[in-house]
């Protein structure tokens, strides 16, 4: 039976932390001012454009689909917290 590899990060913030990427560099790569990046983070990445996700994917050298998925994980977690729903348990594989 084949085991899935354990994820090192569950969302895009985990990836930034894992790779040691500074927030200012992320804002620069996505062609945003630092203030706009901060506001976007406060909104749980709600208003990111596909172009910004594409720029970030090129910088991280990952497929855009994976970067979108990691960004969506941030938004989904915030949405579930707002709805007072239980958060999904991280896989212990």
N, C-alpha and C. Protein backbone atom coordinates (compact mmCIF):
# COMPACT_ATOMS: atom_id res chain seq x y z
N UNK A 1 0.85 -1.18 0.00
CA UNK A 1 0.00 0.00 0.00
C UNK A 1 0.89 1.25 0.00
N UNK A 2 0.57 2.18 -0.85
CA UNK A 2 1.37 3.38 -0.99
C UNK A 2 0.89 4.45 -0.02
N UNK A 3 1.83 5.06 0.71
CA UNK A 3 1.48 6.11 1.66
C UNK A 3 1.68 7.47 1.01
N UNK A 4 0.78 8.39 1.33
CA UNK A 4 0.94 9.75 0.84
C UNK A 4 2.01 10.43 1.68
N UNK A 5 2.83 11.28 1.06
CA UNK A 5 3.83 12.00 1.85
C UNK A 5 3.16 13.01 2.77
N UNK A 6 3.73 13.19 3.94
CA UNK A 6 3.18 14.15 4.90
C UNK A 6 3.48 15.57 4.42
N UNK A 7 2.47 16.42 4.45
CA UNK A 7 2.65 17.80 4.03
C UNK A 7 3.47 18.56 5.06
N UNK A 8 4.36 19.40 4.57
CA UNK A 8 5.16 20.23 5.46
C UNK A 8 4.42 21.51 5.82
N UNK A 9 3.39 21.85 5.06
CA UNK A 9 2.62 23.07 5.29
C UNK A 9 1.21 22.82 4.81
N UNK A 10 0.26 23.49 5.46
CA UNK A 10 -1.15 23.30 5.13
C UNK A 10 -1.74 24.47 4.36
N UNK A 11 -1.05 25.61 4.39
CA UNK A 11 -1.53 26.77 3.65
C UNK A 11 -0.33 27.57 3.16
N UNK A 12 -0.60 28.66 2.48
CA UNK A 12 0.47 29.44 1.87
C UNK A 12 1.36 30.08 2.93
N UNK A 13 0.79 30.44 4.08
CA UNK A 13 1.62 31.02 5.15
C UNK A 13 2.61 30.00 5.67
N UNK A 14 2.20 28.75 5.77
CA UNK A 14 3.10 27.69 6.19
C UNK A 14 4.25 27.51 5.21
N UNK A 15 3.96 27.65 3.93
CA UNK A 15 5.00 27.55 2.90
C UNK A 15 5.98 28.70 3.04
N UNK A 16 5.47 29.92 3.25
CA UNK A 16 6.35 31.07 3.42
C UNK A 16 7.27 30.86 4.63
N UNK A 17 6.70 30.39 5.71
CA UNK A 17 7.48 30.15 6.93
C UNK A 17 8.52 29.05 6.69
N UNK A 18 8.11 27.98 6.04
CA UNK A 18 9.01 26.86 5.77
C UNK A 18 10.20 27.30 4.92
N UNK A 19 9.93 28.12 3.93
CA UNK A 19 11.01 28.58 3.04
C UNK A 19 11.72 29.82 3.56
N UNK A 20 11.21 30.42 4.62
CA UNK A 20 11.84 31.61 5.19
C UNK A 20 11.69 32.85 4.32
N UNK A 21 10.56 32.97 3.65
CA UNK A 21 10.31 34.10 2.76
C UNK A 21 9.68 35.24 3.55
N UNK A 22 10.25 36.42 3.41
CA UNK A 22 9.75 37.60 4.12
C UNK A 22 8.50 38.16 3.43
N UNK A 23 7.63 38.77 4.22
CA UNK A 23 6.37 39.31 3.71
C UNK A 23 6.60 40.42 2.68
N UNK A 24 7.63 41.22 2.89
CA UNK A 24 7.94 42.29 1.93
C UNK A 24 8.29 41.75 0.56
N UNK A 25 8.99 40.63 0.52
CA UNK A 25 9.35 40.00 -0.75
C UNK A 25 8.10 39.47 -1.46
N UNK A 26 7.17 38.92 -0.69
CA UNK A 26 5.92 38.42 -1.28
C UNK A 26 5.15 39.58 -1.91
N UNK A 27 5.05 40.69 -1.20
CA UNK A 27 4.35 41.86 -1.75
C UNK A 27 5.02 42.33 -3.04
N UNK A 28 6.35 42.35 -3.05
CA UNK A 28 7.09 42.77 -4.24
C UNK A 28 6.83 41.84 -5.42
N UNK A 29 6.87 40.55 -5.17
CA UNK A 29 6.66 39.56 -6.23
C UNK A 29 5.26 39.68 -6.82
N UNK A 30 4.28 39.93 -5.97
CA UNK A 30 2.89 40.03 -6.42
C UNK A 30 2.55 41.42 -6.96
N UNK A 31 3.57 42.29 -7.01
CA UNK A 31 3.42 43.65 -7.54
C UNK A 31 2.37 44.44 -6.77
N UNK A 32 2.44 44.34 -5.44
CA UNK A 32 1.55 45.08 -4.55
C UNK A 32 2.41 45.94 -3.63
N UNK A 33 1.82 46.98 -3.10
CA UNK A 33 2.51 47.69 -2.03
C UNK A 33 2.42 46.84 -0.77
N UNK A 34 3.31 47.10 0.17
CA UNK A 34 3.27 46.33 1.41
C UNK A 34 1.95 46.54 2.13
N UNK A 35 1.41 47.78 2.08
CA UNK A 35 0.12 48.06 2.72
C UNK A 35 -1.00 47.24 2.11
N UNK A 36 -1.01 47.11 0.78
CA UNK A 36 -2.05 46.29 0.12
C UNK A 36 -1.90 44.83 0.49
N UNK A 37 -0.67 44.33 0.58
CA UNK A 37 -0.45 42.94 0.98
C UNK A 37 -0.97 42.72 2.40
N UNK A 38 -0.70 43.68 3.29
CA UNK A 38 -1.16 43.57 4.68
C UNK A 38 -2.69 43.53 4.73
N UNK A 39 -3.34 44.40 3.96
CA UNK A 39 -4.81 44.41 3.92
C UNK A 39 -5.36 43.11 3.33
N UNK A 40 -4.68 42.59 2.32
CA UNK A 40 -5.10 41.32 1.71
C UNK A 40 -4.99 40.19 2.73
N UNK A 41 -3.91 40.21 3.51
CA UNK A 41 -3.76 39.19 4.56
C UNK A 41 -4.87 39.31 5.60
N UNK A 42 -5.23 40.54 5.97
CA UNK A 42 -6.31 40.74 6.94
C UNK A 42 -7.63 40.21 6.41
N UNK A 43 -7.83 40.27 5.09
CA UNK A 43 -9.04 39.75 4.46
C UNK A 43 -8.91 38.28 4.09
N UNK A 44 -7.90 37.62 4.63
CA UNK A 44 -7.67 36.18 4.42
C UNK A 44 -7.51 35.84 2.94
N UNK A 45 -6.78 36.69 2.23
CA UNK A 45 -6.45 36.49 0.81
C UNK A 45 -7.69 36.45 -0.07
N UNK A 46 -8.74 37.11 0.37
CA UNK A 46 -10.03 37.04 -0.33
C UNK A 46 -10.00 37.64 -1.73
N UNK A 47 -9.28 38.72 -1.94
CA UNK A 47 -9.35 39.43 -3.22
C UNK A 47 -8.11 39.25 -4.09
N UNK A 48 -7.42 38.14 -3.96
CA UNK A 48 -6.27 37.90 -4.83
C UNK A 48 -6.75 37.64 -6.25
N UNK A 49 -6.03 38.19 -7.21
CA UNK A 49 -6.38 37.94 -8.61
C UNK A 49 -5.59 36.73 -9.12
N UNK A 50 -6.06 36.17 -10.21
CA UNK A 50 -5.35 35.05 -10.82
C UNK A 50 -3.96 35.48 -11.29
N UNK A 51 -3.84 36.73 -11.72
CA UNK A 51 -2.55 37.24 -12.14
C UNK A 51 -1.57 37.26 -10.96
N UNK A 52 -2.03 37.72 -9.80
CA UNK A 52 -1.17 37.76 -8.61
C UNK A 52 -0.78 36.35 -8.17
N UNK A 53 -1.71 35.43 -8.25
CA UNK A 53 -1.40 34.04 -7.90
C UNK A 53 -0.40 33.47 -8.89
N UNK A 54 -0.54 33.81 -10.17
CA UNK A 54 0.41 33.36 -11.18
C UNK A 54 1.81 33.90 -10.94
N UNK A 55 1.90 35.18 -10.57
CA UNK A 55 3.21 35.77 -10.26
C UNK A 55 3.85 35.06 -9.07
N UNK A 56 3.05 34.80 -8.06
CA UNK A 56 3.55 34.11 -6.88
C UNK A 56 3.99 32.69 -7.22
N UNK A 57 3.24 32.02 -8.07
CA UNK A 57 3.58 30.66 -8.48
C UNK A 57 4.92 30.63 -9.22
N UNK A 58 5.14 31.61 -10.10
CA UNK A 58 6.43 31.67 -10.81
C UNK A 58 7.57 31.88 -9.83
N UNK A 59 7.38 32.77 -8.85
CA UNK A 59 8.42 33.03 -7.86
C UNK A 59 8.71 31.79 -7.02
N UNK A 60 7.66 31.09 -6.61
CA UNK A 60 7.83 29.90 -5.76
C UNK A 60 8.22 28.66 -6.56
N UNK A 61 8.17 28.77 -7.89
CA UNK A 61 8.47 27.65 -8.78
C UNK A 61 7.55 26.46 -8.51
N UNK A 62 6.27 26.78 -8.38
CA UNK A 62 5.23 25.78 -8.15
C UNK A 62 4.14 25.96 -9.20
N UNK A 63 3.35 24.92 -9.46
CA UNK A 63 2.23 25.09 -10.38
C UNK A 63 1.20 26.07 -9.81
N UNK A 64 0.61 26.91 -10.66
CA UNK A 64 -0.39 27.87 -10.17
C UNK A 64 -1.54 27.20 -9.43
N UNK A 65 -1.91 26.00 -9.84
CA UNK A 65 -3.01 25.29 -9.18
C UNK A 65 -2.68 25.01 -7.72
N UNK A 66 -1.43 24.64 -7.45
CA UNK A 66 -1.02 24.35 -6.07
C UNK A 66 -1.00 25.62 -5.23
N UNK A 67 -0.50 26.71 -5.80
CA UNK A 67 -0.48 27.98 -5.08
C UNK A 67 -1.90 28.45 -4.80
N UNK A 68 -2.79 28.32 -5.79
CA UNK A 68 -4.20 28.67 -5.59
C UNK A 68 -4.79 27.85 -4.45
N UNK A 69 -4.50 26.56 -4.44
CA UNK A 69 -5.02 25.68 -3.40
C UNK A 69 -4.52 26.08 -2.02
N UNK A 70 -3.25 26.45 -1.92
CA UNK A 70 -2.70 26.87 -0.63
C UNK A 70 -3.30 28.20 -0.18
N UNK A 71 -3.55 29.11 -1.12
CA UNK A 71 -4.20 30.38 -0.78
C UNK A 71 -5.65 30.15 -0.37
N UNK A 72 -6.32 29.25 -1.08
CA UNK A 72 -7.71 28.94 -0.76
C UNK A 72 -7.83 28.33 0.63
N UNK A 73 -6.81 27.59 1.07
CA UNK A 73 -6.83 26.99 2.41
C UNK A 73 -6.89 28.08 3.48
N UNK A 74 -6.21 29.20 3.26
CA UNK A 74 -6.26 30.33 4.21
C UNK A 74 -7.68 30.88 4.26
N UNK A 75 -8.26 31.12 3.08
CA UNK A 75 -9.61 31.67 3.00
C UNK A 75 -10.63 30.71 3.62
N UNK A 76 -10.51 29.44 3.32
CA UNK A 76 -11.47 28.45 3.82
C UNK A 76 -11.41 28.34 5.34
N UNK A 77 -10.20 28.34 5.90
CA UNK A 77 -10.06 28.27 7.35
C UNK A 77 -10.74 29.47 8.01
N UNK A 78 -10.54 30.66 7.45
CA UNK A 78 -11.16 31.86 8.01
C UNK A 78 -12.67 31.81 7.88
N UNK A 79 -13.16 31.31 6.75
CA UNK A 79 -14.60 31.19 6.55
C UNK A 79 -15.21 30.24 7.57
N UNK A 80 -14.57 29.11 7.79
CA UNK A 80 -15.08 28.15 8.76
C UNK A 80 -15.06 28.72 10.18
N UNK A 81 -14.03 29.48 10.51
CA UNK A 81 -13.98 30.11 11.83
C UNK A 81 -15.11 31.12 11.99
N UNK A 82 -15.40 31.88 10.93
CA UNK A 82 -16.49 32.85 10.99
C UNK A 82 -17.84 32.16 11.16
N UNK A 83 -18.00 31.00 10.58
CA UNK A 83 -19.25 30.25 10.67
C UNK A 83 -19.33 29.42 11.94
N UNK A 84 -18.29 29.49 12.77
CA UNK A 84 -18.20 28.71 14.01
C UNK A 84 -18.34 27.21 13.76
N UNK A 85 -17.78 26.78 12.67
CA UNK A 85 -17.79 25.36 12.35
C UNK A 85 -16.49 24.75 12.87
N UNK A 86 -16.51 23.48 13.22
CA UNK A 86 -15.26 22.85 13.65
C UNK A 86 -14.28 22.77 12.48
N UNK A 87 -13.02 23.06 12.76
CA UNK A 87 -11.99 23.00 11.74
C UNK A 87 -11.63 21.55 11.45
N UNK A 88 -11.31 21.24 10.21
CA UNK A 88 -10.90 19.86 9.91
C UNK A 88 -9.60 19.53 10.62
N UNK A 89 -9.52 18.30 11.10
CA UNK A 89 -8.31 17.84 11.78
C UNK A 89 -7.20 17.63 10.76
N UNK A 90 -5.98 18.08 11.09
CA UNK A 90 -4.86 17.81 10.18
C UNK A 90 -4.60 16.31 10.10
N UNK A 91 -4.21 15.85 8.93
CA UNK A 91 -3.95 14.42 8.76
C UNK A 91 -2.72 14.03 9.57
N UNK A 92 -2.79 12.88 10.18
CA UNK A 92 -1.69 12.41 11.03
C UNK A 92 -0.91 11.29 10.35
N UNK A 93 -0.95 11.29 9.04
CA UNK A 93 -0.26 10.23 8.29
C UNK A 93 1.23 10.38 8.32
